[in-house]
Amino acid sequence: MSVELSLSGQAGWLGDKALQQLLAALKQGGEEARVAGGAVRNALLGQPVADIDIAATTLPEETIRRAEAAGFKTAPTGIEHGTITVIAGGKPYEVTTLRADVET
């Protein structure tokens, strides 16, 4: 089975102004933020993107501070897992802190 992966014409949502503002706020000061999960998968497969998740190096408290400073609303929907929901441009974005899985 062959699957052609291409973002050609499939990722117009990446240019969304609110998404770009949120990513810019999260990336300040050398931090990192990137779209992750199903949005990337669906875009590569040419399928509709229904929701957008973001992986970031900011801790949840800093994610909240930066998002609110940029004028967005936040909700600590999964803070125990490092996830904050940010409402930007009327759309929810789940922002989760990147973490390293460690065996103990």
PDB file of N, CA and C in Angstrom:
ATOM      1  N   MET A   1       0.844  -1.174   0.000  1.00  0.00           N
ATOM      2  CA  MET A   1       0.000   0.000   0.000  1.00  0.00           C
ATOM      3  C   MET A   1       0.890   1.239   0.000  1.00  0.00           C
ATOM      4  N   SER A   2       0.555   2.183  -0.836  1.00  0.00           N
ATOM      5  CA  SER A   2       1.324   3.416  -0.939  1.00  0.00           C
ATOM      6  C   SER A   2       0.443   4.588  -0.532  1.00  0.00           C
ATOM      7  N   VAL A   3       0.985   5.441   0.315  1.00  0.00           N
ATOM      8  CA  VAL A   3       0.269   6.639   0.747  1.00  0.00           C
ATOM      9  C   VAL A   3       1.120   7.834   0.365  1.00  0.00           C
ATOM     10  N   GLU A   4       0.541   8.740  -0.403  1.00  0.00           N
ATOM     11  CA  GLU A   4       1.269   9.944  -0.792  1.00  0.00           C
ATOM     12  C   GLU A   4       1.071  11.000   0.281  1.00  0.00           C
ATOM     13  N   LEU A   5       2.176  11.499   0.813  1.00  0.00           N
ATOM     14  CA  LEU A   5       2.116  12.510   1.859  1.00  0.00           C
ATOM     15  C   LEU A   5       2.558  13.846   1.295  1.00  0.00           C
ATOM     16  N   SER A   6       1.679  14.825   1.386  1.00  0.00           N
ATOM     17  CA  SER A   6       1.994  16.153   0.881  1.00  0.00           C
ATOM     18  C   SER A   6       1.115  17.177   1.578  1.00  0.00           C
ATOM     19  N   LEU A   7       1.683  18.324   1.877  1.00  0.00           N
ATOM     20  CA  LEU A   7       0.897  19.406   2.459  1.00  0.00           C
ATOM     21  C   LEU A   7       0.376  20.349   1.390  1.00  0.00           C
ATOM     22  N   SER A   8       0.683  20.074   0.151  1.00  0.00           N
ATOM     23  CA  SER A   8       0.280  20.936  -0.951  1.00  0.00           C
ATOM     24  C   SER A   8      -1.227  21.167  -0.936  1.00  0.00           C
ATOM     25  N   GLY A   9      -1.624  22.392  -0.659  1.00  0.00           N
ATOM     26  CA  GLY A   9      -3.033  22.755  -0.663  1.00  0.00           C
ATOM     27  C   GLY A   9      -3.834  22.239   0.516  1.00  0.00           C
ATOM     28  N   GLN A  10      -3.206  21.565   1.468  1.00  0.00           N
ATOM     29  CA  GLN A  10      -3.934  20.951   2.570  1.00  0.00           C
ATOM     30  C   GLN A  10      -3.756  21.675   3.902  1.00  0.00           C
ATOM     31  N   ALA A  11      -2.882  22.648   3.961  1.00  0.00           N
ATOM     32  CA  ALA A  11      -2.577  23.243   5.254  1.00  0.00           C
ATOM     33  C   ALA A  11      -2.855  24.741   5.289  1.00  0.00           C
ATOM     34  N   GLY A  12      -3.917  25.172   4.633  1.00  0.00           N
ATOM     35  CA  GLY A  12      -4.284  26.579   4.677  1.00  0.00           C
ATOM     36  C   GLY A  12      -4.545  27.061   6.094  1.00  0.00           C
ATOM     37  N   TRP A  13      -4.975  26.145   6.954  1.00  0.00           N
ATOM     38  CA  TRP A  13      -5.244  26.469   8.356  1.00  0.00           C
ATOM     39  C   TRP A  13      -3.991  26.956   9.076  1.00  0.00           C
ATOM     40  N   LEU A  14      -2.805  26.598   8.566  1.00  0.00           N
ATOM     41  CA  LEU A  14      -1.565  27.061   9.201  1.00  0.00           C
ATOM     42  C   LEU A  14      -1.419  28.577   9.138  1.00  0.00           C
ATOM     43  N   GLY A  15      -2.054  29.199   8.158  1.00  0.00           N
ATOM     44  CA  GLY A  15      -1.976  30.648   8.018  1.00  0.00           C
ATOM     45  C   GLY A  15      -2.991  31.401   8.857  1.00  0.00           C
ATOM     46  N   ASP A  16      -3.808  30.682   9.626  1.00  0.00           N
ATOM     47  CA  ASP A  16      -4.817  31.319  10.465  1.00  0.00           C
ATOM     48  C   ASP A  16      -4.158  32.345  11.390  1.00  0.00           C
ATOM     49  N   LYS A  17      -4.671  33.574  11.368  1.00  0.00           N
ATOM     50  CA  LYS A  17      -4.062  34.668  12.125  1.00  0.00           C
ATOM     51  C   LYS A  17      -3.982  34.372  13.623  1.00  0.00           C
ATOM     52  N   ALA A  18      -5.063  33.876  14.212  1.00  0.00           N
ATOM     53  CA  ALA A  18      -5.068  33.593  15.650  1.00  0.00           C
ATOM     54  C   ALA A  18      -4.063  32.495  15.993  1.00  0.00           C
ATOM     55  N   LEU A  19      -3.997  31.454  15.169  1.00  0.00           N
ATOM     56  CA  LEU A  19      -3.026  30.382  15.402  1.00  0.00           C
ATOM     57  C   LEU A  19      -1.609  30.933  15.347  1.00  0.00           C
ATOM     58  N   GLN A  20      -1.320  31.757  14.363  1.00  0.00           N
ATOM     59  CA  GLN A  20       0.019  32.326  14.236  1.00  0.00           C
ATOM     60  C   GLN A  20       0.353  33.240  15.417  1.00  0.00           C
ATOM     61  N   GLN A  21      -0.632  33.996  15.905  1.00  0.00           N
ATOM     62  CA  GLN A  21      -0.409  34.857  17.076  1.00  0.00           C
ATOM     63  C   GLN A  21      -0.133  34.016  18.322  1.00  0.00           C
ATOM     64  N   LEU A  22      -0.878  32.922  18.477  1.00  0.00           N
ATOM     65  CA  LEU A  22      -0.665  32.045  19.624  1.00  0.00           C
ATOM     66  C   LEU A  22       0.720  31.410  19.556  1.00  0.00           C
ATOM     67  N   LEU A  23       1.097  30.884  18.402  1.00  0.00           N
ATOM     68  CA  LEU A  23       2.424  30.281  18.252  1.00  0.00           C
ATOM     69  C   LEU A  23       3.522  31.307  18.536  1.00  0.00           C
ATOM     70  N   ALA A  24       3.347  32.527  18.046  1.00  0.00           N
ATOM     71  CA  ALA A  24       4.348  33.579  18.278  1.00  0.00           C
ATOM     72  C   ALA A  24       4.480  33.885  19.767  1.00  0.00           C
ATOM     73  N   ALA A  25       3.353  33.949  20.479  1.00  0.00           N
ATOM     74  CA  ALA A  25       3.389  34.227  21.920  1.00  0.00           C
ATOM     75  C   ALA A  25       4.117  33.111  22.661  1.00  0.00           C
ATOM     76  N   LEU A  26       3.865  31.877  22.271  1.00  0.00           N
ATOM     77  CA  LEU A  26       4.495  30.741  22.944  1.00  0.00           C
ATOM     78  C   LEU A  26       5.982  30.633  22.632  1.00  0.00           C
ATOM     79  N   LYS A  27       6.407  31.129  21.472  1.00  0.00           N
ATOM     80  CA  LYS A  27       7.802  31.002  21.039  1.00  0.00           C
ATOM     81  C   LYS A  27       8.713  32.120  21.550  1.00  0.00           C
ATOM     82  N   GLN A  28       8.158  33.105  22.206  1.00  0.00           N
ATOM     83  CA  GLN A  28       8.987  34.221  22.685  1.00  0.00           C
ATOM     84  C   GLN A  28      10.096  33.723  23.606  1.00  0.00           C
ATOM     85  N   GLY A  29      11.215  34.427  23.565  1.00  0.00           N
ATOM     86  CA  GLY A  29      12.311  34.128  24.477  1.00  0.00           C
ATOM     87  C   GLY A  29      13.012  32.809  24.213  1.00  0.00           C
ATOM     88  N   GLY A  30      12.921  32.314  22.987  1.00  0.00           N
ATOM     89  CA  GLY A  30      13.628  31.087  22.646  1.00  0.00           C
ATOM     90  C   GLY A  30      12.876  29.804  22.939  1.00  0.00           C
ATOM     91  N   GLU A  31      11.633  29.914  23.419  1.00  0.00           N
ATOM     92  CA  GLU A  31      10.834  28.707  23.643  1.00  0.00           C
ATOM     93  C   GLU A  31      10.420  28.126  22.291  1.00  0.00           C
ATOM     94  N   GLU A  32       9.918  26.901  22.304  1.00  0.00           N
ATOM     95  CA  GLU A  32       9.479  26.246  21.081  1.00  0.00           C
ATOM     96  C   GLU A  32       8.000  25.904  21.176  1.00  0.00           C
ATOM     97  N   ALA A  33       7.321  25.961  20.043  1.00  0.00           N
ATOM     98  CA  ALA A  33       5.917  25.561  19.957  1.00  0.00           C
ATOM     99  C   ALA A  33       5.672  25.086  18.536  1.00  0.00           C
ATOM    100  N   ARG A  34       4.940  23.983  18.423  1.00  0.00           N
ATOM    101  CA  ARG A  34       4.664  23.436  17.092  1.00  0.00           C
ATOM    102  C   ARG A  34       3.315  22.732  17.084  1.00  0.00           C
ATOM    103  N   VAL A  35       2.696  22.713  15.921  1.00  0.00           N
ATOM    104  CA  VAL A  35       1.451  21.969  15.751  1.00  0.00           C
ATOM    105  C   VAL A  35       1.800  20.488  15.806  1.00  0.00           C
ATOM    106  N   ALA A  36       0.945  19.709  16.467  1.00  0.00           N
ATOM    107  CA  ALA A  36       1.225  18.286  16.662  1.00  0.00           C
ATOM    108  C   ALA A  36      -0.054  17.466  16.492  1.00  0.00           C
ATOM    109  N   GLY A  37       0.109  16.174  16.505  1.00  0.00           N
ATOM    110  CA  GLY A  37      -1.026  15.263  16.570  1.00  0.00           C
ATOM    111  C   GLY A  37      -1.831  15.122  15.294  1.00  0.00           C
ATOM    112  N   GLY A  38      -3.133  14.993  15.487  1.00  0.00           N
ATOM    113  CA  GLY A  38      -4.044  14.698  14.387  1.00  0.00           C
ATOM    114  C   GLY A  38      -4.070  15.739  13.288  1.00  0.00           C
ATOM    115  N   ALA A  39      -3.824  16.998  13.615  1.00  0.00           N
ATOM    116  CA  ALA A  39      -3.817  18.033  12.575  1.00  0.00           C
ATOM    117  C   ALA A  39      -2.715  17.764  11.559  1.00  0.00           C
ATOM    118  N   VAL A  40      -1.554  17.384  12.056  1.00  0.00           N
ATOM    119  CA  VAL A  40      -0.431  17.082  11.164  1.00  0.00           C
ATOM    120  C   VAL A  40      -0.743  15.832  10.349  1.00  0.00           C
ATOM    121  N   ARG A  41      -1.215  14.791  11.026  1.00  0.00           N
ATOM    122  CA  ARG A  41      -1.558  13.540  10.332  1.00  0.00           C
ATOM    123  C   ARG A  41      -2.586  13.793   9.237  1.00  0.00           C
ATOM    124  N   ASN A  42      -3.677  14.473   9.584  1.00  0.00           N
ATOM    125  CA  ASN A  42      -4.739  14.703   8.606  1.00  0.00           C
ATOM    126  C   ASN A  42      -4.266  15.559   7.443  1.00  0.00           C
ATOM    127  N   ALA A  43      -3.470  16.581   7.733  1.00  0.00           N
ATOM    128  CA  ALA A  43      -2.953  17.427   6.655  1.00  0.00           C
ATOM    129  C   ALA A  43      -2.086  16.613   5.702  1.00  0.00           C
ATOM    130  N   LEU A  44      -1.242  15.755   6.249  1.00  0.00           N
ATOM    131  CA  LEU A  44      -0.374  14.931   5.405  1.00  0.00           C
ATOM    132  C   LEU A  44      -1.167  13.935   4.564  1.00  0.00           C
ATOM    133  N   LEU A  45      -2.283  13.464   5.106  1.00  0.00           N
ATOM    134  CA  LEU A  45      -3.112  12.501   4.380  1.00  0.00           C
ATOM    135  C   LEU A  45      -4.166  13.167   3.501  1.00  0.00           C
ATOM    136  N   GLY A  46      -4.184  14.501   3.497  1.00  0.00           N
ATOM    137  CA  GLY A  46      -5.146  15.217   2.672  1.00  0.00           C
ATOM    138  C   GLY A  46      -6.554  15.187   3.225  1.00  0.00           C
ATOM    139  N   GLN A  47      -6.687  14.954   4.525  1.00  0.00           N
ATOM    140  CA  GLN A  47      -7.990  14.900   5.174  1.00  0.00           C
ATOM    141  C   GLN A  47      -8.260  16.217   5.893  1.00  0.00           C
ATOM    142  N   PRO A  48      -9.522  16.514   6.163  1.00  0.00           N
ATOM    143  CA  PRO A  48      -9.849  17.758   6.869  1.00  0.00           C
ATOM    144  C   PRO A  48      -9.216  17.800   8.262  1.00  0.00           C
ATOM    145  N   VAL A  49      -8.815  18.987   8.665  1.00  0.00           N
ATOM    146  CA  VAL A  49      -8.252  19.197  10.000  1.00  0.00           C
ATOM    147  C   VAL A  49      -9.360  19.766  10.873  1.00  0.00           C
ATOM    148  N   ALA A  50      -9.778  18.983  11.864  1.00  0.00           N
ATOM    149  CA  ALA A  50     -10.896  19.383  12.716  1.00  0.00           C
ATOM    150  C   ALA A  50     -10.437  20.131  13.963  1.00  0.00           C
ATOM    151  N   ASP A  51      -9.323  19.717  14.538  1.00  0.00           N
ATOM    152  CA  ASP A  51      -8.821  20.398  15.728  1.00  0.00           C
ATOM    153  C   ASP A  51      -7.301  20.446  15.659  1.00  0.00           C
ATOM    154  N   ILE A  52      -6.748  21.428  16.348  1.00  0.00           N
ATOM    155  CA  ILE A  52      -5.307  21.651  16.285  1.00  0.00           C
ATOM    156  C   ILE A  52      -4.729  21.593  17.691  1.00  0.00           C
ATOM    157  N   ASP A  53      -3.778  20.690  17.874  1.00  0.00           N
ATOM    158  CA  ASP A  53      -3.054  20.573  19.135  1.00  0.00           C
ATOM    159  C   ASP A  53      -1.671  21.184  18.949  1.00  0.00           C
ATOM    160  N   ILE A  54      -1.155  21.744  20.031  1.00  0.00           N
ATOM    161  CA  ILE A  54       0.159  22.377  19.999  1.00  0.00           C
ATOM    162  C   ILE A  54       1.019  21.772  21.097  1.00  0.00           C
ATOM    163  N   ALA A  55       2.253  21.438  20.761  1.00  0.00           N
ATOM    164  CA  ALA A  55       3.241  20.990  21.741  1.00  0.00           C
ATOM    165  C   ALA A  55       4.195  22.156  21.960  1.00  0.00           C
ATOM    166  N   ALA A  56       4.473  22.471  23.225  1.00  0.00           N
ATOM    167  CA  ALA A  56       5.302  23.637  23.540  1.00  0.00           C
ATOM    168  C   ALA A  56       6.271  23.317  24.671  1.00  0.00           C
ATOM    169  N   THR A  57       7.339  24.083  24.733  1.00  0.00           N
ATOM    170  CA  THR A  57       8.305  23.906  25.815  1.00  0.00           C
ATOM    171  C   THR A  57       7.928  24.703  27.059  1.00  0.00           C
ATOM    172  N   THR A  58       6.940  25.570  26.953  1.00  0.00           N
ATOM    173  CA  THR A  58       6.516  26.348  28.119  1.00  0.00           C
ATOM    174  C   THR A  58       5.748  25.465  29.098  1.00  0.00           C
ATOM    175  N   LEU A  59       5.961  25.703  30.382  1.00  0.00           N
ATOM    176  CA  LEU A  59       5.185  25.017  31.415  1.00  0.00           C
ATOM    177  C   LEU A  59       3.765  25.576  31.420  1.00  0.00           C
ATOM    178  N   PRO A  60       2.793  24.829  31.946  1.00  0.00           N
ATOM    179  CA  PRO A  60       1.402  25.279  31.898  1.00  0.00           C
ATOM    180  C   PRO A  60       1.177  26.696  32.426  1.00  0.00           C
ATOM    181  N   GLU A  61       1.795  27.043  33.540  1.00  0.00           N
ATOM    182  CA  GLU A  61       1.604  28.383  34.106  1.00  0.00           C
ATOM    183  C   GLU A  61       2.104  29.457  33.146  1.00  0.00           C
ATOM    184  N   GLU A  62       3.217  29.184  32.476  1.00  0.00           N
ATOM    185  CA  GLU A  62       3.767  30.136  31.514  1.00  0.00           C
ATOM    186  C   GLU A  62       2.915  30.176  30.250  1.00  0.00           C
ATOM    187  N   THR A  63       2.377  29.041  29.849  1.00  0.00           N
ATOM    188  CA  THR A  63       1.470  29.003  28.700  1.00  0.00           C
ATOM    189  C   THR A  63       0.267  29.893  28.970  1.00  0.00           C
ATOM    190  N   ILE A  64      -0.307  29.777  30.166  1.00  0.00           N
ATOM    191  CA  ILE A  64      -1.453  30.605  30.547  1.00  0.00           C
ATOM    192  C   ILE A  64      -1.062  32.081  30.520  1.00  0.00           C
ATOM    193  N   ARG A  65       0.067  32.408  31.135  1.00  0.00           N
ATOM    194  CA  ARG A  65       0.507  33.807  31.201  1.00  0.00           C
ATOM    195  C   ARG A  65       0.680  34.393  29.804  1.00  0.00           C
ATOM    196  N   ARG A  66       1.357  33.663  28.935  1.00  0.00           N
ATOM    197  CA  ARG A  66       1.617  34.166  27.584  1.00  0.00           C
ATOM    198  C   ARG A  66       0.338  34.279  26.760  1.00  0.00           C
ATOM    199  N   ALA A  67      -0.518  33.271  26.853  1.00  0.00           N
ATOM    200  CA  ALA A  67      -1.764  33.295  26.082  1.00  0.00           C
ATOM    201  C   ALA A  67      -2.656  34.451  26.530  1.00  0.00           C
ATOM    202  N   GLU A  68      -2.784  34.632  27.836  1.00  0.00           N
ATOM    203  CA  GLU A  68      -3.627  35.716  28.344  1.00  0.00           C
ATOM    204  C   GLU A  68      -3.027  37.079  28.028  1.00  0.00           C
ATOM    205  N   ALA A  69      -1.702  37.196  28.062  1.00  0.00           N
ATOM    206  CA  ALA A  69      -1.046  38.455  27.700  1.00  0.00           C
ATOM    207  C   ALA A  69      -1.284  38.796  26.227  1.00  0.00           C
ATOM    208  N   ALA A  70      -1.477  37.762  25.402  1.00  0.00           N
ATOM    209  CA  ALA A  70      -1.753  37.968  23.979  1.00  0.00           C
ATOM    210  C   ALA A  70      -3.242  38.216  23.725  1.00  0.00           C
ATOM    211  N   GLY A  71      -4.051  38.204  24.803  1.00  0.00           N
ATOM    212  CA  GLY A  71      -5.470  38.505  24.679  1.00  0.00           C
ATOM    213  C   GLY A  71      -6.372  37.300  24.495  1.00  0.00           C
ATOM    214  N   PHE A  72      -5.847  36.095  24.728  1.00  0.00           N
ATOM    215  CA  PHE A  72      -6.640  34.882  24.562  1.00  0.00           C
ATOM    216  C   PHE A  72      -7.163  34.394  25.907  1.00  0.00           C
ATOM    217  N   LYS A  73      -8.260  33.659  25.878  1.00  0.00           N
ATOM    218  CA  LYS A  73      -8.802  33.039  27.086  1.00  0.00           C
ATOM    219  C   LYS A  73      -8.170  31.668  27.253  1.00  0.00           C
ATOM    220  N   THR A  74      -8.069  31.217  28.505  1.00  0.00           N
ATOM    221  CA  THR A  74      -7.472  29.911  28.784  1.00  0.00           C
ATOM    222  C   THR A  74      -8.336  29.121  29.754  1.00  0.00           C
ATOM    223  N   ALA A  75      -8.171  27.799  29.715  1.00  0.00           N
ATOM    224  CA  ALA A  75      -8.831  26.903  30.667  1.00  0.00           C
ATOM    225  C   ALA A  75      -7.871  25.758  30.962  1.00  0.00           C
ATOM    226  N   PRO A  76      -7.648  25.453  32.250  1.00  0.00           N
ATOM    227  CA  PRO A  76      -6.720  24.372  32.620  1.00  0.00           C
ATOM    228  C   PRO A  76      -7.382  23.000  32.476  1.00  0.00           C
ATOM    229  N   THR A  77      -7.665  22.600  31.252  1.00  0.00           N
ATOM    230  CA  THR A  77      -8.456  21.396  30.989  1.00  0.00           C
ATOM    231  C   THR A  77      -7.760  20.091  31.343  1.00  0.00           C
ATOM    232  N   GLY A  78      -6.464  20.067  31.304  1.00  0.00           N
ATOM    233  CA  GLY A  78      -5.722  18.850  31.634  1.00  0.00           C
ATOM    234  C   GLY A  78      -4.400  19.209  32.267  1.00  0.00           C
ATOM    235  N   ILE A  79      -4.458  20.162  33.182  1.00  0.00           N
ATOM    236  CA  ILE A  79      -3.225  20.722  33.744  1.00  0.00           C
ATOM    237  C   ILE A  79      -2.354  19.654  34.406  1.00  0.00           C
ATOM    238  N   GLU A  80      -2.975  18.593  34.949  1.00  0.00           N
ATOM    239  CA  GLU A  80      -2.173  17.526  35.569  1.00  0.00           C
ATOM    240  C   GLU A  80      -1.323  16.790  34.539  1.00  0.00           C
ATOM    241  N   HIS A  81      -1.686  16.922  33.265  1.00  0.00           N
ATOM    242  CA  HIS A  81      -0.902  16.329  32.175  1.00  0.00           C
ATOM    243  C   HIS A  81      -0.145  17.397  31.393  1.00  0.00           C
ATOM    244  N   GLY A  82      -0.208  18.644  31.882  1.00  0.00           N
ATOM    245  CA  GLY A  82       0.491  19.736  31.217  1.00  0.00           C
ATOM    246  C   GLY A  82      -0.289  20.366  30.085  1.00  0.00           C
ATOM    247  N   THR A  83      -1.619  20.175  30.069  1.00  0.00           N
ATOM    248  CA  THR A  83      -2.437  20.672  28.959  1.00  0.00           C
ATOM    249  C   THR A  83      -3.324  21.832  29.379  1.00  0.00           C
ATOM    250  N   ILE A  84      -3.280  22.869  28.563  1.00  0.00           N
ATOM    251  CA  ILE A  84      -4.112  24.060  28.722  1.00  0.00           C
ATOM    252  C   ILE A  84      -4.892  24.235  27.428  1.00  0.00           C
ATOM    253  N   THR A  85      -6.172  24.568  27.522  1.00  0.00           N
ATOM    254  CA  THR A  85      -6.922  24.918  26.319  1.00  0.00           C
ATOM    255  C   THR A  85      -6.890  26.432  26.183  1.00  0.00           C
ATOM    256  N   VAL A  86      -6.498  26.882  25.004  1.00  0.00           N
ATOM    257  CA  VAL A  86      -6.456  28.310  24.702  1.00  0.00           C
ATOM    258  C   VAL A  86      -7.512  28.580  23.639  1.00  0.00           C
ATOM    259  N   ILE A  87      -8.361  29.573  23.894  1.00  0.00           N
ATOM    260  CA  ILE A  87      -9.360  29.986  22.911  1.00  0.00           C
ATOM    261  C   ILE A  87      -8.779  31.177  22.163  1.00  0.00           C
ATOM    262  N   ALA A  88      -8.494  30.964  20.893  1.00  0.00           N
ATOM    263  CA  ALA A  88      -7.894  32.004  20.054  1.00  0.00           C
ATOM    264  C   ALA A  88      -8.704  32.111  18.771  1.00  0.00           C
ATOM    265  N   GLY A  89      -9.181  33.294  18.477  1.00  0.00           N
ATOM    266  CA  GLY A  89      -9.980  33.473  17.274  1.00  0.00           C
ATOM    267  C   GLY A  89     -11.253  32.647  17.296  1.00  0.00           C
ATOM    268  N   GLY A  90     -11.785  32.393  18.490  1.00  0.00           N
ATOM    269  CA  GLY A  90     -13.010  31.615  18.629  1.00  0.00           C
ATOM    270  C   GLY A  90     -12.817  30.116  18.512  1.00  0.00           C
ATOM    271  N   LYS A  91     -11.570  29.658  18.397  1.00  0.00           N
ATOM    272  CA  LYS A  91     -11.286  28.226  18.256  1.00  0.00           C
ATOM    273  C   LYS A  91     -10.468  27.733  19.445  1.00  0.00           C
ATOM    274  N   PRO A  92     -10.757  26.504  19.904  1.00  0.00           N
ATOM    275  CA  PRO A  92      -9.954  25.946  20.999  1.00  0.00           C
ATOM    276  C   PRO A  92      -8.685  25.276  20.475  1.00  0.00           C
ATOM    277  N   TYR A  93      -7.584  25.542  21.147  1.00  0.00           N
ATOM    278  CA  TYR A  93      -6.307  24.892  20.851  1.00  0.00           C
ATOM    279  C   TYR A  93      -5.811  24.266  22.144  1.00  0.00           C
ATOM    280  N   GLU A  94      -5.532  22.969  22.127  1.00  0.00           N
ATOM    281  CA  GLU A  94      -4.948  22.334  23.301  1.00  0.00           C
ATOM    282  C   GLU A  94      -3.438  22.476  23.214  1.00  0.00           C
ATOM    283  N   VAL A  95      -2.859  23.120  24.222  1.00  0.00           N
ATOM    284  CA  VAL A  95      -1.412  23.333  24.273  1.00  0.00           C
ATOM    285  C   VAL A  95      -0.867  22.461  25.398  1.00  0.00           C
ATOM    286  N   THR A  96       0.023  21.546  25.048  1.00  0.00           N
ATOM    287  CA  THR A  96       0.589  20.620  26.025  1.00  0.00           C
ATOM    288  C   THR A  96       2.092  20.804  26.097  1.00  0.00           C
ATOM    289  N   THR A  97       2.601  20.837  27.321  1.00  0.00           N
ATOM    290  CA  THR A  97       4.036  20.962  27.536  1.00  0.00           C
ATOM    291  C   THR A  97       4.737  19.691  27.071  1.00  0.00           C
ATOM    292  N   LEU A  98       5.797  19.873  26.280  1.00  0.00           N
ATOM    293  CA  LEU A  98       6.613  18.731  25.872  1.00  0.00           C
ATOM    294  C   LEU A  98       7.229  18.104  27.113  1.00  0.00           C
ATOM    295  N   ARG A  99       7.331  16.800  27.116  1.00  0.00           N
ATOM    296  CA  ARG A  99       7.915  16.116  28.267  1.00  0.00           C
ATOM    297  C   ARG A  99       8.731  14.924  27.784  1.00  0.00           C
ATOM    298  N   ALA A 100       9.607  14.481  28.632  1.00  0.00           N
ATOM    299  CA  ALA A 100      10.391  13.286  28.339  1.00  0.00           C
ATOM    300  C   ALA A 100       9.810  12.143  29.155  1.00  0.00           C
ATOM    301  N   ASP A 101       9.522  11.043  28.499  1.00  0.00           N
ATOM    302  CA  ASP A 101       9.070   9.862  29.222  1.00  0.00           C
ATOM    303  C   ASP A 101      10.305   9.156  29.758  1.00  0.00           C
ATOM    304  N   VAL A 102      10.304   8.892  31.054  1.00  0.00           N
ATOM    305  CA  VAL A 102      11.467   8.312  31.714  1.00  0.00           C
ATOM    306  C   VAL A 102      11.056   7.015  32.391  1.00  0.00           C
ATOM    307  N   GLU A 103      11.842   5.975  32.176  1.00  0.00           N
ATOM    308  CA  GLU A 103      11.585   4.720  32.879  1.00  0.00           C
ATOM    309  C   GLU A 103      12.125   4.825  34.291  1.00  0.00           C
ATOM    310  N   THR A 104      11.376   4.278  35.234  1.00  0.00           N
ATOM    311  CA  THR A 104      11.846   4.299  36.624  1.00  0.00           C
ATOM    312  C   THR A 104      11.983   2.895  37.147  1.00  0.00           C
TER     313      THR A 104
END
